[in-house]
Amino acid sequence: MTALHIWNTKTRRKEKFVPLKPENVRLYVCGPTVYDRAHIGNARPAVTFDIVYRLFQYLYGKENVTYVRNITDIDDKINNRAKSVRENGDARDLIAIIKSITDETIGWYHEDMHSLGNLDPTHEPRATDYIPQMISMIGNILSNGNGYEVEGHVLFDVSSAPKYGNLARRNLETMKAGARVEVAPYKKNELDFVLWKPSSDDLPGWDSPWGRGRPGWHIECSAMSSELLGPTFDLHGGGSDLCFPHHENELAQSNAIYPEEEFARYWMHNGMIRVNGQKMAKSLGNFFTIKDLMDRGITGEVIRLVMLGTHYRSEIDWTDSKVHEATEIVARWRRLFSSAGNLTPTIDPEFKEAVCDDFNIPRGLAKLHDLARKEELDSLYGSLCLLGLESLCQEVENSLGKDIQSTEIANCLIHVLEYREECRKIRDFAKADEIRNSLSEAGVLLQDQSGGELPKWQLNSDFNPEMLKALKGRYEDRIQFLFDEKAKS
């Protein structure tokens, strides 16, 4: 049996993954802060750890895997957006506006993640539902001598954690005043981080032993992970930008509360996304959300395949050429399955070996291209399911309705395309363009080939089988004539 090996950020080496309990495999991933639409950077960890979740389910059984991905619904960015909404004329109080923003944004996030083929996690806790647990943890940190109160704040004392910095491989001197570390005069040490902070009357807040306030960012994940998975669990994941300070701080405070426990045994971090070699930023005009891409006609399968084409630990350079290449692959695979009969999904051994080698999906994709060339569709189907691309095998049939078979639609489309190809051969390009435009209106995307081959085609999400059947009917006489002539020859 192929063993799973994972690059463990904590040890900086590839290790065999051995869960604490194979009948209770536990995974925690830092989820979104819900103040706006998810961009492609937000989507990468969701896709990365969806693959981890799927593989765990395959290896250990669906009923034996628990996946927790939290939602941060209390944050200064959310508060600032709510204030902006109120300043623009919304008469509701700030708390009501915040609730409205976070509810709407969570809905968008779910919509976007589903469009990319991601499974729902087992639990998706909202930070605001775990405030009592956070307050209890902060009290324990203070009791254990790992924190202190000052000017209405409760802070974690980094000097009390001798292993602080080990996860991110940084020492205290080089980390001081580093990225995303709040420097404040009331801190004993620049690296000390907030566990609890005061709230003014116009900000959300909860009563606590330290006054009305709200939690710091890092304590949220420690509270939710320990409540849902226990003080020690198998794997913690997130983007590489979270390794320091967020994950470093999570580890320090959790170890302070549970000094005999390990917290997360394995840590995985995915790389960031750049666009055409540049950091993604609104000021550069290269910042886009999942919805932006979908509105441009880039399907969820294409977005997912672009992300899977780069190893999860490496930085992705998002380019139009990669989108174009992924679009062609998706269309090719979908076409393969469009006329397939019943399939028995199996996992190709070489593909499985690649995925179990620290999720080397790019190597696995090379094997899938080989399976596609050989039309070994059972293995291709099963392997695509493990990658969350099962819609390539199912979307055609699902979009047709119960009373229409995918083979009927595929044959219908092929007849129209053969007629169009005949028009091109006799240089009736006006008719050929007319057919292309009609197919586009029906939700069929074409890519012409050289050498007289029929074009590659892809069914978009708005595919309308009735429009396609009507188009075939429009040219029925001419199509029948062509088939009759072929039969004679």
Foldseek 3Di string as FASTA:
>chain_A
DFFFWAQFLLVRGIGTADWPDLQAAEEEEEAEAQQDFAFLQRQLQLLVVLLVLLVSCVVRNNNRYAYEYEYELADVSLQVVLVVVVVVPDPDASVVSSVVRRVVRVVNVVVLNVQLLGDDGNYYYYLVVQQVLLLVLLVLCVVLVQWDDDPLWIWGNVVVQPCQCSSVVDDLVVPAPHPPQDADPRDPGSRIGTQWHADDPRGDWDQHPSGTTDGDDQSSSLRVCCVVPNLEHEEYEYAPVCSPPRVSVNQRSSCSNVVPYRRYPGYDHFYGEAEQPHRDDVVVVRIDHSVVCVVVVQGSNLSLVQSLLDQRNDYRHDYPVSSVVSVLVLLLLLLLLLQDDDEAADADPQLVNCCSHNHNSNSSVVVLVVCSVVSVPNNNLNSCVSSSNNCSNVVQQVVPDDVDGSNVLSVLVVLLQVVLLVCVVVPVVVVNVVSQVLQVVQQKHWDDDPDSDGTRIDGGPNHHSVSSNVSCVVCVVVSVVVVVVVVVD
